[in-house]
Protein backbone atom coordinates (compact mmCIF):
# COMPACT_ATOMS: atom_id res chain seq x y z
CA MET A 1 -15.17 73.56 115.19
CA THR A 2 -13.00 73.06 118.08
CA TYR A 3 -9.20 72.67 118.21
CA PRO A 4 -7.30 70.41 120.51
CA SER A 5 -5.44 72.44 123.12
CA THR A 6 -1.88 72.53 122.73
CA PHE A 7 0.94 73.88 124.83
CA LEU A 8 4.18 75.02 123.38
CA SER A 9 6.55 76.67 125.63
CA ARG A 10 8.96 79.22 124.42
CA ARG A 11 11.77 77.07 124.67
CA MET A 12 10.04 74.20 122.55
CA ARG A 13 8.93 76.95 119.88
CA ARG A 14 12.61 78.13 119.39
CA THR A 15 13.72 74.53 119.02
CA LEU A 16 11.20 73.92 116.32
CA MET A 17 12.02 76.97 114.55
CA GLY A 18 15.74 76.23 114.77
CA PHE A 19 15.05 72.83 113.53
CA LEU A 20 13.05 74.00 110.54
CA ILE A 21 15.57 76.42 109.67
CA SER A 22 18.40 73.80 109.79
CA VAL A 23 16.27 71.59 107.41
CA PHE A 24 15.97 74.46 105.15
CA PHE A 25 19.37 75.18 105.01
CA LEU A 26 20.24 71.28 104.37
CA ILE A 27 17.72 70.55 101.95
CA ALA A 28 17.81 73.93 99.58
CA PRO A 29 21.18 73.34 98.51
CA LEU A 30 20.38 69.64 97.87
CA LEU A 31 17.58 70.83 95.64
CA LEU A 32 19.50 73.45 93.90
CA ALA A 33 22.43 70.88 93.29
CA TYR A 34 19.63 68.40 91.99
CA THR A 35 18.02 71.07 89.73
CA ALA A 36 21.59 72.08 88.43
CA GLY A 37 22.19 68.46 87.48
CA TYR A 38 24.13 67.23 90.38
CA ARG A 39 23.68 63.62 91.89
CA TYR A 40 25.65 61.82 94.61
CA ASP A 41 27.86 59.24 93.89
CA ILE A 42 27.39 56.43 96.78
CA ILE A 43 30.05 54.48 95.55
CA ASN A 44 32.63 57.35 95.35
CA ARG A 45 31.04 59.19 98.25
CA ARG A 46 31.02 62.66 96.12
CA PHE A 47 28.54 64.76 94.40
CA GLU A 48 28.95 64.53 90.30
CA GLN A 49 27.36 66.53 87.68
CA THR A 50 25.03 64.33 85.45
CA GLY A 51 25.53 63.92 81.66
CA VAL A 52 23.53 63.67 78.35
CA ILE A 53 22.65 60.90 76.06
CA SER A 54 21.59 61.91 72.43
CA ILE A 55 20.29 59.45 70.13
CA ASP A 56 19.20 60.06 66.36
CA ILE A 57 19.08 57.19 64.13
CA GLU A 58 17.19 55.68 61.21
CA PRO A 59 14.34 54.76 60.98
CA PRO A 60 13.03 57.42 63.22
CA ASP A 61 10.23 55.52 64.63
CA SER A 62 12.42 52.91 65.86
CA LYS A 63 12.18 51.88 69.74
CA ILE A 64 14.85 52.83 71.88
CA PHE A 65 15.44 50.92 75.23
CA LEU A 66 17.79 52.35 78.01
CA ASN A 67 18.83 49.55 80.29
CA THR A 68 15.62 47.45 79.35
CA VAL A 69 13.25 50.37 79.84
CA GLU A 70 11.59 51.60 76.69
CA ILE A 71 12.02 55.57 76.00
CA LYS A 72 8.87 56.74 74.54
CA LYS A 73 10.09 59.83 72.65
CA ASN A 74 10.48 60.91 69.19
CA MET A 75 13.60 61.00 67.36
CA PRO A 76 15.96 62.64 67.73
CA LEU A 77 15.72 62.50 71.62
CA ARG A 78 17.72 63.73 74.40
CA LEU A 79 17.95 62.26 77.81
CA ALA A 80 19.09 64.72 80.14
CA ASN A 81 20.45 64.44 83.76
CA ARG A 82 21.62 60.82 83.50
CA VAL A 83 23.77 59.60 86.37
CA PRO A 84 27.29 58.91 85.27
CA GLY A 85 28.10 55.39 84.79
CA GLY A 86 27.28 52.40 82.47
CA TYR A 87 23.87 51.99 80.44
CA HIS A 88 22.85 49.51 77.85
CA ILE A 89 21.27 50.78 74.72
CA ARG A 90 19.12 48.72 72.41
CA ILE A 91 17.29 49.93 69.32
CA GLU A 92 15.06 47.78 67.53
CA ARG A 93 12.18 48.00 65.01
CA GLU A 94 10.03 45.23 62.93
CA GLY A 95 11.85 44.05 60.20
CA TYR A 96 15.07 45.31 61.09
CA GLN A 97 18.06 43.83 63.09
CA PRO A 98 18.49 45.31 66.58
CA TRP A 99 21.40 47.38 67.34
CA GLU A 100 22.81 47.41 70.80
CA ARG A 101 25.76 48.23 72.84
CA ASP A 102 26.95 49.37 76.16
CA ILE A 103 27.91 52.85 76.62
CA THR A 104 29.52 55.14 79.31
CA VAL A 105 27.84 58.48 80.52
CA GLU A 106 30.56 60.94 81.75
CA SER A 107 29.92 64.09 84.09
CA ARG A 108 28.94 67.15 82.12
CA GLN A 109 29.47 65.41 78.63
CA THR A 110 27.04 64.34 75.90
CA THR A 111 27.41 60.79 74.71
CA TYR A 112 26.13 60.70 71.26
CA ILE A 113 24.33 57.78 69.60
CA LYS A 114 24.23 59.04 65.83
CA ASN A 115 24.91 58.28 62.28
CA ILE A 116 23.17 54.78 62.39
CA THR A 117 20.84 53.13 60.10
CA LEU A 118 19.27 49.76 61.39
CA PHE A 119 19.91 46.92 58.95
CA PRO A 120 16.66 45.24 57.18
CA VAL A 121 16.09 41.62 57.61
CA SER A 122 16.64 40.75 53.94
CA LEU A 123 17.89 37.95 51.51
CA PRO A 124 19.77 37.94 48.28
CA THR A 125 17.81 37.75 45.06
CA PRO A 126 19.62 36.83 41.59
CA VAL A 127 20.05 39.40 39.13
CA PHE A 128 20.20 37.40 35.81
CA ASP A 129 17.11 35.63 35.63
CA GLN A 130 17.22 35.66 31.69
CA ARG A 131 20.88 35.69 30.82
CA ALA A 132 22.20 32.84 29.25
CA GLN A 133 25.37 32.59 31.11
CA THR A 134 26.44 33.83 34.63
CA PRO A 135 29.51 36.14 34.18
CA GLN A 136 32.92 34.50 35.05
CA SER A 137 34.00 37.90 36.92
CA VAL A 138 32.77 41.58 37.36
CA VAL A 139 34.73 44.56 37.82
CA PRO A 140 32.54 47.24 39.40
CA SER A 141 32.39 50.96 39.21
CA ARG A 142 33.65 53.28 42.19
CA ASP A 143 29.78 53.95 43.08
CA GLY A 144 28.28 50.44 42.26
CA ALA A 145 26.02 51.94 39.51
CA TYR A 146 27.97 50.05 36.88
CA ALA A 147 29.95 46.82 36.56
CA ILE A 148 31.98 45.34 33.74
CA LEU A 149 31.03 41.42 33.01
CA PHE A 150 33.43 39.04 31.59
CA ALA A 151 32.03 36.03 30.17
CA PRO A 152 33.99 33.43 28.22
CA HIS A 153 31.91 31.13 25.79
CA ASP A 154 33.08 28.74 23.24
CA GLY A 155 36.39 30.21 23.04
CA ILE A 156 35.18 33.75 22.86
CA GLU A 157 35.59 36.47 25.82
CA GLU A 158 32.76 38.72 25.74
CA VAL A 159 32.81 41.82 27.69
CA THR A 160 29.77 43.87 28.49
CA LEU A 161 28.83 46.93 30.40
CA PHE A 162 26.00 46.12 33.03
CA HIS A 163 23.85 49.10 34.43
CA THR A 164 22.91 47.73 37.88
CA ILE A 165 19.98 50.22 38.34
CA THR A 166 18.48 49.57 35.00
CA LYS A 167 19.72 45.99 34.49
CA ARG A 168 20.90 47.18 30.89
CA GLU A 169 23.67 45.59 29.26
CA THR A 170 25.96 47.05 26.59
CA PRO A 171 28.48 44.99 24.53
CA LEU A 172 32.04 46.20 24.71
CA LEU A 173 34.40 43.62 23.29
CA ARG A 174 34.47 40.40 21.80
CA LYS A 175 37.85 38.71 21.81
CA THR A 176 39.31 35.37 21.17
CA SER A 177 40.35 33.44 24.38
CA ASP A 178 43.89 33.98 23.27
CA ALA A 179 43.74 37.75 24.13
CA LYS A 180 44.27 38.97 27.56
CA ILE A 181 42.04 41.85 29.01
CA PHE A 182 42.52 44.11 31.96
CA SER A 183 39.97 46.63 33.23
CA SER A 184 39.91 49.14 35.60
CA TRP A 185 37.42 52.14 36.99
CA SER A 186 38.68 55.52 37.92
CA PRO A 187 38.22 56.02 41.86
CA SER A 188 37.22 59.63 41.48
CA TYR A 189 35.17 59.80 38.09
CA ASP A 190 32.67 57.71 36.03
CA LEU A 191 35.34 56.47 33.48
CA PHE A 192 36.77 53.16 32.78
CA PHE A 193 39.47 51.46 30.43
CA LEU A 194 39.96 48.06 28.95
CA ALA A 195 43.42 47.02 28.21
CA VAL A 196 43.91 44.20 25.53
CA GLU A 197 46.95 42.31 24.99
CA GLU A 198 46.92 40.72 21.45
CA GLY A 199 49.46 39.46 19.07
CA GLY A 200 52.38 41.06 21.18
CA ARG A 201 50.70 44.52 21.18
CA THR A 202 48.85 46.17 24.13
CA SER A 203 45.97 48.66 23.52
CA VAL A 204 43.83 50.96 25.85
CA TRP A 205 40.26 51.82 25.40
CA LEU A 206 38.80 54.56 27.60
CA PHE A 207 35.05 54.65 28.09
CA ASP A 208 32.50 57.11 29.62
CA PRO A 209 29.92 54.53 30.86
CA GLU A 210 27.01 57.02 30.15
CA ASN A 211 28.25 56.94 26.22
CA PRO A 212 29.94 53.49 25.71
CA VAL A 213 29.55 53.43 22.10
CA SER A 214 32.77 55.68 21.48
CA ALA A 215 36.18 55.50 23.25
CA ALA A 216 39.50 57.07 23.29
CA THR A 217 42.27 54.92 22.40
CA TYR A 218 46.04 54.29 22.93
CA ALA A 219 48.39 51.81 21.69
CA PHE A 220 51.64 50.96 23.67
CA ASN A 221 55.08 51.20 21.90
CA ALA A 222 56.68 49.47 24.54
CA PRO A 223 56.00 45.74 25.48
CA ILE A 224 53.19 45.79 28.08
CA GLY A 225 51.80 42.62 29.84
CA VAL A 226 48.21 43.36 31.07
CA GLU A 227 48.90 40.81 34.19
CA GLU A 228 51.26 43.66 35.28
CA MET A 229 48.99 46.45 34.33
CA HIS A 230 49.23 47.96 37.52
CA GLN A 231 52.78 49.15 36.95
CA TRP A 232 51.84 50.76 33.60
CA PHE A 233 48.80 53.18 34.76
CA GLN A 234 47.45 55.28 37.38
CA TRP A 235 44.14 57.21 37.33
CA GLN A 236 44.75 60.95 37.82
CA LYS A 237 43.22 62.99 40.70
CA ASN A 238 41.70 66.25 40.97
CA THR A 239 41.78 67.40 37.39
CA ILE A 240 39.30 69.28 35.38
CA ILE A 241 39.35 66.79 32.69
CA PRO A 242 39.34 63.03 33.89
CA SER A 243 42.02 61.15 32.55
CA VAL A 244 44.32 58.17 32.87
CA ILE A 245 48.24 58.54 33.07
CA LEU A 246 49.85 55.71 31.20
CA ARG A 247 53.72 54.59 31.24
CA ASP A 248 54.95 53.84 28.05
CA GLY A 249 58.57 53.19 28.36
CA ALA A 250 59.90 56.36 29.63
CA SER A 251 56.90 58.56 28.40
CA LEU A 252 54.02 59.36 30.54
CA ILE A 253 50.97 59.88 28.72
CA SER A 254 47.75 61.63 30.06
CA LEU A 255 44.90 59.97 28.12
CA SER A 256 41.14 61.50 28.25
CA LEU A 257 38.23 61.23 26.23
CA VAL A 258 39.07 64.21 24.48
CA SER A 259 42.96 64.55 24.34
CA LYS A 260 46.16 62.71 24.54
CA GLU A 261 49.34 64.37 25.77
CA ASP A 262 52.79 63.54 27.04
CA ILE A 263 53.06 65.11 30.71
CA GLY A 264 56.61 63.78 31.52
CA TYR A 265 59.11 61.29 31.67
CA LEU A 266 60.67 58.76 33.79
CA PRO A 267 64.35 57.58 34.14
CA ASP A 268 65.18 54.22 33.56
CA THR A 269 65.84 53.39 37.03
CA ALA A 270 62.35 54.29 38.08
CA ASP A 271 60.99 50.65 39.53
CA ALA A 272 57.66 52.26 40.69
CA TRP A 273 56.04 55.54 40.28
CA MET A 274 53.21 57.98 40.92
CA VAL A 275 51.97 61.49 39.98
CA ASP A 276 50.39 63.31 43.12
CA SER A 277 47.47 65.70 43.29
CA GLU A 278 49.97 68.61 42.68
CA GLU A 279 51.04 66.83 39.44
CA THR A 280 54.28 66.17 41.32
CA ILE A 281 55.96 62.88 39.82
CA TRP A 282 57.26 60.62 42.25
CA ILE A 283 59.66 57.50 41.62
CA TYR A 284 61.31 54.78 43.67
CA GLU A 285 64.81 53.61 43.05
CA GLU A 286 65.39 50.03 44.20
CA GLU A 287 69.03 50.37 43.57
CA HIS A 288 69.15 53.34 46.10
CA SER A 289 66.04 52.31 48.31
CA THR A 290 64.71 55.98 48.01
CA PHE A 291 61.88 57.61 46.75
CA MET A 292 62.45 60.72 44.82
CA THR A 293 60.50 63.62 43.08
CA LEU A 294 61.46 64.85 39.84
CA ASP A 295 62.04 68.54 38.99
CA ALA A 296 60.94 70.34 35.82
CA ASP A 297 64.18 69.22 34.10
CA GLY A 298 63.48 65.44 35.32
CA ASN A 299 66.38 65.65 37.89
CA SER A 300 66.05 63.36 40.72
CA LEU A 301 65.51 64.97 44.10
CA PRO A 302 66.01 62.38 46.95
CA PHE A 303 63.21 62.45 49.47
CA PHE A 304 62.83 59.16 51.58
CA SER A 305 64.78 55.90 51.90
CA ILE A 306 63.71 52.70 53.06
CA GLU A 307 65.97 49.58 53.27
CA GLU A 308 65.44 46.09 52.39
CA LYS A 309 61.96 46.49 50.88
CA LYS A 310 61.21 45.49 47.18
CA ILE A 311 58.52 48.14 46.49
CA ARG A 312 56.08 47.01 43.39
CA ASP A 313 53.67 49.81 43.58
CA ILE A 314 53.18 53.38 45.05
CA ILE A 315 49.45 53.14 46.08
CA ASP A 316 49.07 56.98 47.66
CA ILE A 317 51.33 59.73 48.71
CA ASN A 318 50.90 62.84 50.64
CA ASP A 319 53.08 65.23 52.61
CA HIS A 320 52.82 62.89 55.56
CA ARG A 321 53.01 59.51 54.49
CA ILE A 322 53.69 56.91 51.62
CA LEU A 323 51.42 54.07 51.03
CA VAL A 324 53.23 51.04 49.02
CA ALA A 325 52.58 47.57 47.82
CA ASP A 326 55.58 45.47 48.34
CA ASP A 327 56.29 41.79 47.97
CA ASP A 328 55.29 41.07 51.36
CA GLY A 329 51.82 43.01 51.41
CA VAL A 330 51.22 46.74 52.20
CA SER A 331 53.46 49.07 54.09
CA VAL A 332 53.06 52.70 55.24
CA LEU A 333 56.10 55.05 55.49
CA VAL A 334 55.38 57.94 57.93
CA GLN A 335 57.55 60.94 57.03
CA ASP A 336 57.22 62.55 60.60
CA THR A 337 60.14 62.21 62.56
CA ASN A 338 58.23 62.85 65.83
CA ALA A 339 55.65 59.86 64.72
CA GLU A 340 55.39 56.70 66.89
CA LYS A 341 56.65 54.50 64.04
CA ASN A 342 58.25 55.45 60.61
CA LEU A 343 57.34 52.36 59.04
CA TRP A 344 54.31 50.21 59.40
CA GLU A 345 54.39 46.77 57.62
CA PHE A 346 51.12 44.65 56.91
CA PRO A 347 52.08 40.98 55.49
CA ASN A 348 49.63 39.71 53.02
CA ALA A 349 47.52 42.83 53.05
CA ARG A 350 45.53 44.91 50.54
CA ALA A 351 44.55 48.48 50.77
CA ARG A 352 41.02 50.06 49.88
CA PHE A 353 40.24 53.77 49.89
CA HIS A 354 37.19 55.21 51.50
CA PRO A 355 36.33 58.48 49.37
CA ALA A 356 33.86 59.96 52.20
CA THR A 357 36.36 59.80 55.03
CA LYS A 358 39.35 60.08 53.25
CA GLU A 359 41.26 57.05 54.92
CA TRP A 360 43.03 53.81 53.48
CA PHE A 361 41.78 50.56 54.82
CA VAL A 362 44.82 48.18 55.04
CA PHE A 363 43.54 44.38 55.65
CA SER A 364 44.84 41.09 55.81
CA PRO A 365 43.13 37.98 56.18
CA TRP A 366 42.88 38.46 60.16
CA GLU A 367 43.30 42.21 60.76
CA LEU A 368 41.73 45.43 59.62
CA TRP A 369 43.81 48.84 60.03
CA THR A 370 43.10 52.39 59.10
CA VAL A 371 45.72 54.89 57.62
CA TYR A 372 44.78 58.47 57.91
CA GLU A 373 45.80 61.29 55.91
CA ASN A 374 48.08 62.63 58.46
CA GLY A 375 50.11 59.18 58.73
CA ASP A 376 48.35 57.93 61.82
CA VAL A 377 47.64 54.13 61.65
CA ALA A 378 45.04 52.41 64.06
CA LEU A 379 43.98 48.93 64.18
CA LEU A 380 40.13 48.45 63.61
CA ASN A 381 39.45 45.00 64.13
CA ARG A 382 41.15 41.48 64.64
CA THR A 383 38.84 38.40 63.17
CA SER A 384 38.90 34.80 63.75
CA GLN A 385 37.23 34.40 60.28
CA THR A 386 39.30 35.14 56.98
CA LEU A 387 38.62 38.54 55.88
CA THR A 388 38.57 38.73 51.87
CA ASP A 389 37.53 42.23 51.12
CA VAL A 390 36.40 45.60 52.52
CA ALA A 391 34.12 48.21 51.20
CA PRO A 392 32.51 51.22 52.59
CA LEU A 393 28.67 50.89 53.30
CA ASP A 394 27.93 54.44 54.11
CA LYS A 395 29.50 58.07 54.50
CA TYR A 396 29.97 57.47 58.36
CA GLY A 397 32.73 54.87 58.20
CA VAL A 398 30.52 51.68 58.38
CA LEU A 399 32.20 48.87 56.38
CA LEU A 400 31.16 45.78 54.56
CA LEU A 401 33.44 42.75 55.52
CA THR A 402 33.65 39.98 53.05
CA THR A 403 35.04 36.80 54.92
CA ASP A 404 34.85 33.10 54.21
CA ARG A 405 31.73 32.78 56.24
CA GLY A 406 29.61 35.44 54.85
CA LEU A 407 28.97 39.24 54.65
CA PHE A 408 29.21 41.42 57.80
CA ALA A 409 28.40 45.20 58.32
CA PHE A 410 31.07 46.39 60.87
CA ASN A 411 30.75 50.25 62.52
CA PRO A 412 34.29 50.78 63.69
CA GLY A 413 33.10 53.80 65.52
CA TYR A 414 30.77 51.75 68.07
CA TYR A 415 32.57 48.42 67.38
CA VAL A 416 29.29 46.64 66.39
CA THR A 417 28.73 44.08 63.97
CA HIS A 418 25.81 42.71 61.96
CA ASP A 419 25.41 39.74 60.00
CA LEU A 420 23.98 40.30 56.72
CA PHE A 421 24.39 37.11 54.90
CA SER A 422 25.85 33.68 55.51
CA GLY A 423 25.46 30.12 53.97
CA GLY A 424 26.58 30.71 50.37
CA THR A 425 30.28 30.87 48.57
CA ILE A 426 31.18 34.61 47.68
CA GLU A 427 33.66 35.40 45.05
CA LYS A 428 33.25 39.35 44.62
CA THR A 429 31.34 41.89 46.26
CA PHE A 430 30.77 45.45 45.60
CA VAL A 431 28.35 48.17 46.98
CA ARG A 432 25.71 50.61 45.37
CA GLU A 433 25.85 52.86 48.61
CA LYS A 434 23.35 55.61 47.27
CA ASP A 435 20.38 53.06 47.34
CA ARG A 436 21.85 50.67 49.81
CA VAL A 437 22.38 47.61 47.92
CA VAL A 438 25.16 45.07 48.25
CA TYR A 439 26.08 43.04 44.98
CA PHE A 440 27.84 39.77 45.16
CA LEU A 441 29.15 37.11 42.49
CA GLY A 442 28.74 33.66 44.11
CA THR A 443 26.72 30.83 44.89
CA VAL A 444 23.60 30.45 47.17
CA GLY A 445 22.27 26.83 47.09
CA ASN A 446 23.13 25.38 43.75
CA ARG A 447 22.73 28.69 41.67
CA ARG A 448 25.80 30.67 40.89
CA ASP A 449 24.72 34.08 39.81
CA LEU A 450 25.14 37.99 40.49
CA TYR A 451 23.19 38.52 43.61
CA GLU A 452 21.80 41.86 45.26
CA LEU A 453 21.12 42.34 48.86
CA ARG A 454 19.56 45.30 50.37
CA TYR A 455 20.86 46.83 53.60
């Protein structure tokens, strides 16, 4: 084999060697920077370290698309060395609604897409195929496993306990239509009561839904109207024995399934009251526009004043804030003097508690806010639809929004909304979160029933 003759002068060899060395010292840092996760930002004309996208959702065999390109990796997946900037994520699976949103990857940061479960495409199905009459109203338990059904018929009010899993019904009461009945479930325990106003007297029956054939009872001495029952009871929190506190005149009575005892007294000037988790008694006196605590001797200790508010009920209270219902709606009184605001007012609003996140959701027909334990308040959503109710869908904060147009799942963390059902009339909704089922009393087509919708 012969080679073509070449001639490199000493000067040319030195020049070539210098060029190669220069290229090495130029390329080597770039390669090291690339392997260390740095990329050159042409727009900003600078090197930036890359970021990471971490995705973990249910179902785990869902397809992931990043800027329309499918990422064929198993869940959970980690996409390293992503150039900082905007990306579009789309997650889909057959039989489920797609989830998508724009995300921003920051330099040396991990962007997480997690705690997300896709919603199946499903239709509501009626619960009562064989029931003679659809309930007029329902009052659900805290976890949606039970519901109290009210069904008036031929001048008789029938009250039954419905087990949503087994579809079993247990009769509780039968009263004439002249009787007024109120019911409430504990937000912390499997416990409920029925209050019945009949013949000028009001009595309470306290039930365990697992054994509803027996009940603890209490007859009020003072005249109590069940239409204003919210002023006369409070479910006790963080107690060994689940109980409800009843206000009977000046007395506070703790009623449980095994006992009944006096726990304190309220002054005649108390227009609203609450017993907190530390068993401290709080009162509100409209005459002085002041919240107070009561000491062991029943003496009032002024704590927080508020002007020009007619307080109807103390919803919740802790060391940082007071949540109250007033004649205008809901107000939050923040006790931190350094807070942005010390009074938040929400006209025409109601409040719902989320046990998993320990937040209170305050909603009006047009806005949804969250109230944190530390007194911070944040706007979650504004809607053009009329918002009628809010309920938790999972422990991560996804919410069921009931509006005049249907049912929607709203994820405040990612600001993503999914349409669960529309096209019917919805009167009442509740959720059995453990089995991912939404129940609603309403009309679909021409049929009024209690419906279940899997999500």
